Amino acid sequence: MSPPPFHIGHIDHVVLRVRNLQRALDFYCGALGCAEERRVENFGLVQLRAGGSLIDLIVDTSKADHAETRNMDHFALTVTPFDAARLGAHLLAHGIAAGRVETRYGAEGAGPSLYIHDPDGNQVELKGPPA
């Protein structure tokens, strides 16, 4: 197998499903010192600055107990260069189905990204540099 046509920079963001938004804000902002960066009301999303990364909080409205479900929605890794065609071909060569490339907001601003899943079903976002 050929090496990836990119390198991983760092974790851009982690998205957590939370039961109680205020309780989560008290913990991450009050106890840990994160700062609220922005809200996306139509997604019910609050983005917190955690150093050079973001922690995104989204209210989990499901009735399932967290012991029965996962509370991490996904995590994002920065990759450069973000050449969608080469990236897609590389993933396909490894038997990995990739979602479509879209512009999404991350710790460094809005830029291209796509979603994949690891062998255990965890969603991973590969995030390119800001546009």
N, C-alpha and C. Protein backbone atom coordinates (compact mmCIF):
# COMPACT_ATOMS: atom_id res chain seq x y z
N MET A 1 0.83 -1.18 0.00
CA MET A 1 0.00 0.00 0.00
C MET A 1 0.88 1.25 0.00
N SER A 2 0.42 2.23 -0.69
CA SER A 2 1.16 3.49 -0.74
C SER A 2 0.86 4.31 0.51
N PRO A 3 1.79 5.20 0.88
CA PRO A 3 1.54 6.05 2.05
C PRO A 3 0.44 7.07 1.73
N PRO A 4 -0.19 7.62 2.74
CA PRO A 4 -1.26 8.61 2.50
C PRO A 4 -0.73 9.82 1.74
N PRO A 5 -1.58 10.43 0.92
CA PRO A 5 -1.18 11.64 0.19
C PRO A 5 -1.38 12.90 1.03
N PHE A 6 -1.24 12.78 2.33
CA PHE A 6 -1.44 13.90 3.26
C PHE A 6 -0.73 13.57 4.56
N HIS A 7 -0.63 14.54 5.46
CA HIS A 7 -0.18 14.24 6.82
C HIS A 7 -1.17 14.84 7.80
N ILE A 8 -1.27 14.22 8.96
CA ILE A 8 -2.19 14.69 10.00
C ILE A 8 -1.49 15.76 10.81
N GLY A 9 -2.18 16.90 10.99
CA GLY A 9 -1.64 17.99 11.78
C GLY A 9 -1.97 17.84 13.26
N HIS A 10 -3.25 17.87 13.59
CA HIS A 10 -3.69 17.80 14.97
C HIS A 10 -5.19 17.51 15.01
N ILE A 11 -5.70 17.29 16.21
CA ILE A 11 -7.15 17.16 16.36
C ILE A 11 -7.75 18.56 16.26
N ASP A 12 -8.65 18.74 15.31
CA ASP A 12 -9.30 20.02 15.07
C ASP A 12 -10.43 20.24 16.07
N HIS A 13 -11.31 19.25 16.18
CA HIS A 13 -12.42 19.36 17.12
C HIS A 13 -12.99 17.99 17.45
N VAL A 14 -13.72 17.96 18.56
CA VAL A 14 -14.46 16.79 19.02
C VAL A 14 -15.89 17.24 19.23
N VAL A 15 -16.85 16.43 18.80
CA VAL A 15 -18.27 16.76 18.97
C VAL A 15 -18.87 15.78 19.98
N LEU A 16 -19.40 16.32 21.07
CA LEU A 16 -19.99 15.50 22.13
C LEU A 16 -21.49 15.73 22.20
N ARG A 17 -22.23 14.64 22.36
CA ARG A 17 -23.66 14.73 22.64
C ARG A 17 -23.81 14.84 24.15
N VAL A 18 -24.53 15.85 24.61
CA VAL A 18 -24.70 16.06 26.05
C VAL A 18 -26.18 16.05 26.39
N ARG A 19 -26.49 15.61 27.61
CA ARG A 19 -27.88 15.57 28.07
C ARG A 19 -28.37 16.94 28.54
N ASN A 20 -27.48 17.67 29.20
CA ASN A 20 -27.85 18.95 29.80
C ASN A 20 -26.81 19.98 29.37
N LEU A 21 -27.21 20.89 28.48
CA LEU A 21 -26.26 21.85 27.91
C LEU A 21 -25.66 22.74 28.99
N GLN A 22 -26.47 23.26 29.90
CA GLN A 22 -25.93 24.16 30.92
C GLN A 22 -24.93 23.46 31.83
N ARG A 23 -25.24 22.23 32.19
CA ARG A 23 -24.31 21.46 33.02
C ARG A 23 -22.97 21.26 32.29
N ALA A 24 -23.04 20.97 30.99
CA ALA A 24 -21.82 20.80 30.19
C ALA A 24 -21.06 22.12 30.08
N LEU A 25 -21.78 23.22 29.87
CA LEU A 25 -21.12 24.54 29.79
C LEU A 25 -20.45 24.89 31.11
N ASP A 26 -21.12 24.59 32.22
CA ASP A 26 -20.53 24.85 33.53
C ASP A 26 -19.22 24.07 33.70
N PHE A 27 -19.22 22.83 33.23
CA PHE A 27 -18.02 22.00 33.35
C PHE A 27 -16.91 22.50 32.44
N TYR A 28 -17.19 22.59 31.14
CA TYR A 28 -16.13 22.93 30.18
C TYR A 28 -15.67 24.39 30.28
N CYS A 29 -16.61 25.30 30.50
CA CYS A 29 -16.23 26.73 30.60
C CYS A 29 -15.85 27.10 32.03
N GLY A 30 -16.70 26.73 32.98
CA GLY A 30 -16.45 27.11 34.36
C GLY A 30 -15.28 26.38 34.99
N ALA A 31 -15.28 25.07 34.91
CA ALA A 31 -14.24 24.28 35.57
C ALA A 31 -12.95 24.19 34.75
N LEU A 32 -13.08 24.05 33.42
CA LEU A 32 -11.89 23.84 32.60
C LEU A 32 -11.37 25.10 31.91
N GLY A 33 -12.18 26.17 31.88
CA GLY A 33 -11.71 27.44 31.31
C GLY A 33 -11.87 27.59 29.82
N CYS A 34 -12.66 26.74 29.16
CA CYS A 34 -12.94 26.94 27.74
C CYS A 34 -13.79 28.19 27.57
N ALA A 35 -13.80 28.74 26.38
CA ALA A 35 -14.61 29.94 26.10
C ALA A 35 -15.59 29.61 24.98
N GLU A 36 -16.83 30.07 25.16
CA GLU A 36 -17.81 29.87 24.10
C GLU A 36 -17.40 30.70 22.89
N GLU A 37 -17.30 30.04 21.74
CA GLU A 37 -16.88 30.71 20.51
C GLU A 37 -18.05 31.07 19.61
N ARG A 38 -18.99 30.14 19.44
CA ARG A 38 -20.16 30.45 18.61
C ARG A 38 -21.25 29.42 18.84
N ARG A 39 -22.46 29.82 18.45
CA ARG A 39 -23.62 28.94 18.52
C ARG A 39 -24.22 28.82 17.13
N VAL A 40 -24.67 27.62 16.81
CA VAL A 40 -25.38 27.37 15.57
C VAL A 40 -26.75 26.84 15.99
N GLU A 41 -27.67 27.78 16.15
CA GLU A 41 -28.98 27.47 16.75
C GLU A 41 -29.75 26.40 15.98
N ASN A 42 -29.70 26.42 14.64
CA ASN A 42 -30.50 25.45 13.88
C ASN A 42 -29.99 24.02 14.05
N PHE A 43 -28.75 23.83 14.53
CA PHE A 43 -28.23 22.50 14.85
C PHE A 43 -28.25 22.24 16.35
N GLY A 44 -28.53 23.27 17.16
CA GLY A 44 -28.46 23.12 18.60
C GLY A 44 -27.03 22.90 19.06
N LEU A 45 -26.08 23.55 18.38
CA LEU A 45 -24.66 23.33 18.59
C LEU A 45 -24.01 24.52 19.27
N VAL A 46 -23.17 24.26 20.27
CA VAL A 46 -22.37 25.29 20.92
C VAL A 46 -20.91 24.89 20.76
N GLN A 47 -20.09 25.80 20.22
CA GLN A 47 -18.67 25.51 20.01
C GLN A 47 -17.84 26.25 21.04
N LEU A 48 -16.97 25.49 21.71
CA LEU A 48 -16.12 26.03 22.76
C LEU A 48 -14.67 25.99 22.32
N ARG A 49 -13.95 27.08 22.56
CA ARG A 49 -12.52 27.13 22.26
C ARG A 49 -11.76 26.43 23.37
N ALA A 50 -10.93 25.47 22.98
CA ALA A 50 -10.09 24.71 23.92
C ALA A 50 -8.67 24.79 23.37
N GLY A 51 -7.96 25.86 23.64
CA GLY A 51 -6.63 26.07 23.05
C GLY A 51 -6.76 26.24 21.56
N GLY A 52 -6.00 25.45 20.79
CA GLY A 52 -6.05 25.53 19.34
C GLY A 52 -7.14 24.66 18.74
N SER A 53 -7.96 24.03 19.55
CA SER A 53 -9.00 23.11 19.08
C SER A 53 -10.37 23.58 19.56
N LEU A 54 -11.40 22.89 19.12
CA LEU A 54 -12.77 23.16 19.55
C LEU A 54 -13.36 21.91 20.19
N ILE A 55 -14.22 22.14 21.17
CA ILE A 55 -15.10 21.11 21.70
C ILE A 55 -16.51 21.57 21.35
N ASP A 56 -17.19 20.79 20.54
CA ASP A 56 -18.55 21.12 20.13
C ASP A 56 -19.52 20.32 20.98
N LEU A 57 -20.53 21.01 21.50
CA LEU A 57 -21.56 20.38 22.32
C LEU A 57 -22.88 20.42 21.56
N ILE A 58 -23.56 19.28 21.50
CA ILE A 58 -24.87 19.22 20.87
C ILE A 58 -25.78 18.47 21.83
N VAL A 59 -26.97 18.99 22.05
CA VAL A 59 -27.89 18.37 23.00
C VAL A 59 -28.42 17.07 22.42
N ASP A 60 -28.28 15.99 23.18
CA ASP A 60 -28.76 14.67 22.81
C ASP A 60 -30.21 14.57 23.25
N THR A 61 -31.11 14.52 22.30
CA THR A 61 -32.54 14.46 22.61
C THR A 61 -33.09 13.04 22.58
N SER A 62 -32.22 12.07 22.35
CA SER A 62 -32.70 10.69 22.31
C SER A 62 -33.10 10.24 23.72
N LYS A 63 -33.90 9.23 23.77
CA LYS A 63 -34.35 8.68 25.05
C LYS A 63 -33.41 7.62 25.58
N ALA A 64 -32.43 7.20 24.76
CA ALA A 64 -31.52 6.12 25.16
C ALA A 64 -30.59 6.57 26.28
N ASP A 65 -30.25 5.63 27.11
CA ASP A 65 -29.28 5.86 28.17
C ASP A 65 -27.89 5.91 27.55
N HIS A 66 -27.03 6.84 28.01
CA HIS A 66 -25.68 6.93 27.45
C HIS A 66 -24.90 5.63 27.61
N ALA A 67 -25.25 4.81 28.59
CA ALA A 67 -24.57 3.53 28.74
C ALA A 67 -24.87 2.62 27.55
N GLU A 68 -25.99 2.87 26.87
CA GLU A 68 -26.39 2.05 25.74
C GLU A 68 -25.95 2.64 24.40
N THR A 69 -25.58 3.91 24.39
CA THR A 69 -25.21 4.59 23.14
C THR A 69 -23.88 5.31 23.31
N ARG A 70 -23.36 5.78 22.23
CA ARG A 70 -22.13 6.57 22.27
C ARG A 70 -22.50 8.04 22.39
N ASN A 71 -21.71 8.77 23.17
CA ASN A 71 -22.02 10.19 23.29
C ASN A 71 -21.04 11.05 22.50
N MET A 72 -20.07 10.43 21.82
CA MET A 72 -19.22 11.20 20.93
C MET A 72 -19.80 11.08 19.53
N ASP A 73 -20.11 12.21 18.93
CA ASP A 73 -20.63 12.21 17.57
C ASP A 73 -19.50 11.92 16.59
N HIS A 74 -18.41 12.69 16.66
CA HIS A 74 -17.24 12.46 15.81
C HIS A 74 -16.07 13.28 16.32
N PHE A 75 -14.87 13.00 15.79
CA PHE A 75 -13.73 13.87 16.01
C PHE A 75 -13.13 14.19 14.65
N ALA A 76 -12.44 15.32 14.58
CA ALA A 76 -11.89 15.78 13.31
C ALA A 76 -10.38 15.88 13.40
N LEU A 77 -9.71 15.42 12.34
CA LEU A 77 -8.27 15.54 12.21
C LEU A 77 -7.95 16.48 11.06
N THR A 78 -7.01 17.39 11.26
CA THR A 78 -6.59 18.24 10.14
C THR A 78 -5.65 17.44 9.25
N VAL A 79 -5.83 17.58 7.94
CA VAL A 79 -4.95 16.92 6.98
C VAL A 79 -4.52 17.92 5.91
N THR A 80 -3.24 17.87 5.55
CA THR A 80 -2.73 18.73 4.48
C THR A 80 -1.77 17.91 3.62
N PRO A 81 -1.78 18.10 2.33
CA PRO A 81 -2.75 18.92 1.62
C PRO A 81 -4.10 18.20 1.55
N PHE A 82 -5.14 18.95 1.29
CA PHE A 82 -6.47 18.37 1.14
C PHE A 82 -6.78 18.35 -0.36
N ASP A 83 -6.32 17.31 -1.01
CA ASP A 83 -6.59 17.09 -2.43
C ASP A 83 -7.70 16.04 -2.48
N ALA A 84 -8.92 16.49 -2.72
CA ALA A 84 -10.09 15.61 -2.61
C ALA A 84 -9.96 14.37 -3.49
N ALA A 85 -9.49 14.50 -4.70
CA ALA A 85 -9.39 13.35 -5.61
C ALA A 85 -8.36 12.35 -5.09
N ARG A 86 -7.18 12.81 -4.71
CA ARG A 86 -6.15 11.89 -4.20
C ARG A 86 -6.56 11.27 -2.88
N LEU A 87 -7.17 12.08 -2.03
CA LEU A 87 -7.64 11.59 -0.74
C LEU A 87 -8.69 10.49 -0.94
N GLY A 88 -9.66 10.75 -1.81
CA GLY A 88 -10.71 9.77 -2.09
C GLY A 88 -10.15 8.48 -2.66
N ALA A 89 -9.19 8.59 -3.59
CA ALA A 89 -8.58 7.40 -4.18
C ALA A 89 -7.80 6.60 -3.14
N HIS A 90 -7.08 7.30 -2.27
CA HIS A 90 -6.32 6.63 -1.22
C HIS A 90 -7.25 5.87 -0.27
N LEU A 91 -8.32 6.52 0.16
CA LEU A 91 -9.26 5.87 1.06
C LEU A 91 -9.91 4.66 0.41
N LEU A 92 -10.31 4.81 -0.84
CA LEU A 92 -10.93 3.70 -1.57
C LEU A 92 -9.97 2.52 -1.69
N ALA A 93 -8.67 2.79 -1.90
CA ALA A 93 -7.67 1.72 -1.99
C ALA A 93 -7.57 0.95 -0.68
N HIS A 94 -7.96 1.60 0.42
CA HIS A 94 -7.95 0.94 1.73
C HIS A 94 -9.33 0.41 2.12
N GLY A 95 -10.26 0.43 1.16
CA GLY A 95 -11.59 -0.09 1.42
C GLY A 95 -12.44 0.80 2.30
N ILE A 96 -12.14 2.10 2.31
CA ILE A 96 -12.85 3.04 3.17
C ILE A 96 -13.76 3.92 2.31
N ALA A 97 -15.05 3.87 2.59
CA ALA A 97 -16.01 4.72 1.90
C ALA A 97 -15.97 6.12 2.50
N ALA A 98 -15.90 7.11 1.66
CA ALA A 98 -15.84 8.50 2.13
C ALA A 98 -17.12 9.24 1.75
N GLY A 99 -17.56 10.11 2.64
CA GLY A 99 -18.69 10.98 2.35
C GLY A 99 -18.27 12.06 1.37
N ARG A 100 -19.20 12.90 1.00
CA ARG A 100 -18.85 13.95 0.04
C ARG A 100 -18.12 15.10 0.72
N VAL A 101 -17.32 15.76 -0.05
CA VAL A 101 -16.55 16.90 0.45
C VAL A 101 -17.48 18.10 0.56
N GLU A 102 -17.48 18.71 1.73
CA GLU A 102 -18.27 19.92 1.98
C GLU A 102 -17.44 20.90 2.76
N THR A 103 -17.84 22.16 2.73
CA THR A 103 -17.19 23.18 3.55
C THR A 103 -17.83 23.15 4.92
N ARG A 104 -16.99 22.98 5.95
CA ARG A 104 -17.47 22.94 7.32
C ARG A 104 -16.57 23.80 8.20
N TYR A 105 -17.13 24.28 9.28
CA TYR A 105 -16.39 25.13 10.21
C TYR A 105 -15.61 24.27 11.19
N GLY A 106 -14.39 24.65 11.48
CA GLY A 106 -13.56 23.96 12.46
C GLY A 106 -12.75 24.95 13.26
N ALA A 107 -11.79 24.47 14.00
CA ALA A 107 -11.00 25.31 14.90
C ALA A 107 -10.21 26.40 14.17
N GLU A 108 -9.87 26.15 12.91
CA GLU A 108 -9.10 27.12 12.14
C GLU A 108 -9.95 27.90 11.16
N GLY A 109 -11.27 27.70 11.17
CA GLY A 109 -12.17 28.37 10.25
C GLY A 109 -12.83 27.37 9.32
N ALA A 110 -13.55 27.89 8.33
CA ALA A 110 -14.29 27.05 7.39
C ALA A 110 -13.37 26.54 6.29
N GLY A 111 -13.51 25.27 5.97
CA GLY A 111 -12.70 24.66 4.92
C GLY A 111 -13.27 23.32 4.52
N PRO A 112 -12.65 22.67 3.55
CA PRO A 112 -13.18 21.39 3.05
C PRO A 112 -13.02 20.28 4.08
N SER A 113 -13.96 19.36 4.06
CA SER A 113 -13.87 18.20 4.93
C SER A 113 -14.72 17.07 4.37
N LEU A 114 -14.45 15.88 4.87
CA LEU A 114 -15.28 14.72 4.54
C LEU A 114 -15.30 13.79 5.74
N TYR A 115 -16.32 12.94 5.78
CA TYR A 115 -16.47 12.00 6.87
C TYR A 115 -16.18 10.58 6.41
N ILE A 116 -15.55 9.82 7.32
CA ILE A 116 -15.32 8.38 7.13
C ILE A 116 -15.67 7.70 8.46
N HIS A 117 -15.65 6.38 8.49
CA HIS A 117 -15.87 5.63 9.72
C HIS A 117 -14.72 4.67 9.95
N ASP A 118 -14.31 4.54 11.21
CA ASP A 118 -13.26 3.57 11.53
C ASP A 118 -13.90 2.18 11.62
N PRO A 119 -13.10 1.13 11.79
CA PRO A 119 -13.66 -0.23 11.82
C PRO A 119 -14.68 -0.48 12.93
N ASP A 120 -14.66 0.34 13.98
CA ASP A 120 -15.64 0.17 15.06
C ASP A 120 -16.85 1.06 14.90
N GLY A 121 -16.94 1.78 13.79
CA GLY A 121 -18.10 2.62 13.53
C GLY A 121 -17.97 4.05 14.01
N ASN A 122 -16.83 4.43 14.58
CA ASN A 122 -16.64 5.81 15.01
C ASN A 122 -16.49 6.71 13.79
N GLN A 123 -17.21 7.82 13.81
CA GLN A 123 -17.13 8.76 12.70
C GLN A 123 -15.91 9.67 12.86
N VAL A 124 -15.13 9.81 11.79
CA VAL A 124 -13.94 10.63 11.78
C VAL A 124 -14.08 11.64 10.64
N GLU A 125 -13.84 12.90 10.94
CA GLU A 125 -13.86 13.94 9.92
C GLU A 125 -12.41 14.26 9.55
N LEU A 126 -12.12 14.24 8.24
CA LEU A 126 -10.82 14.68 7.75
C LEU A 126 -11.01 16.11 7.26
N LYS A 127 -10.32 17.04 7.89
CA LYS A 127 -10.57 18.48 7.73
C LYS A 127 -9.38 19.15 7.06
N GLY A 128 -9.65 19.81 5.94
CA GLY A 128 -8.60 20.55 5.23
C GLY A 128 -8.42 21.94 5.82
N PRO A 129 -7.41 22.66 5.32
CA PRO A 129 -7.15 24.00 5.81
C PRO A 129 -8.28 24.96 5.46
N PRO A 130 -8.40 26.05 6.21
CA PRO A 130 -9.47 27.01 5.92
C PRO A 130 -9.33 27.58 4.52
N ALA A 131 -10.48 27.86 3.93
CA ALA A 131 -10.50 28.40 2.56
C ALA A 131 -9.97 29.82 2.52
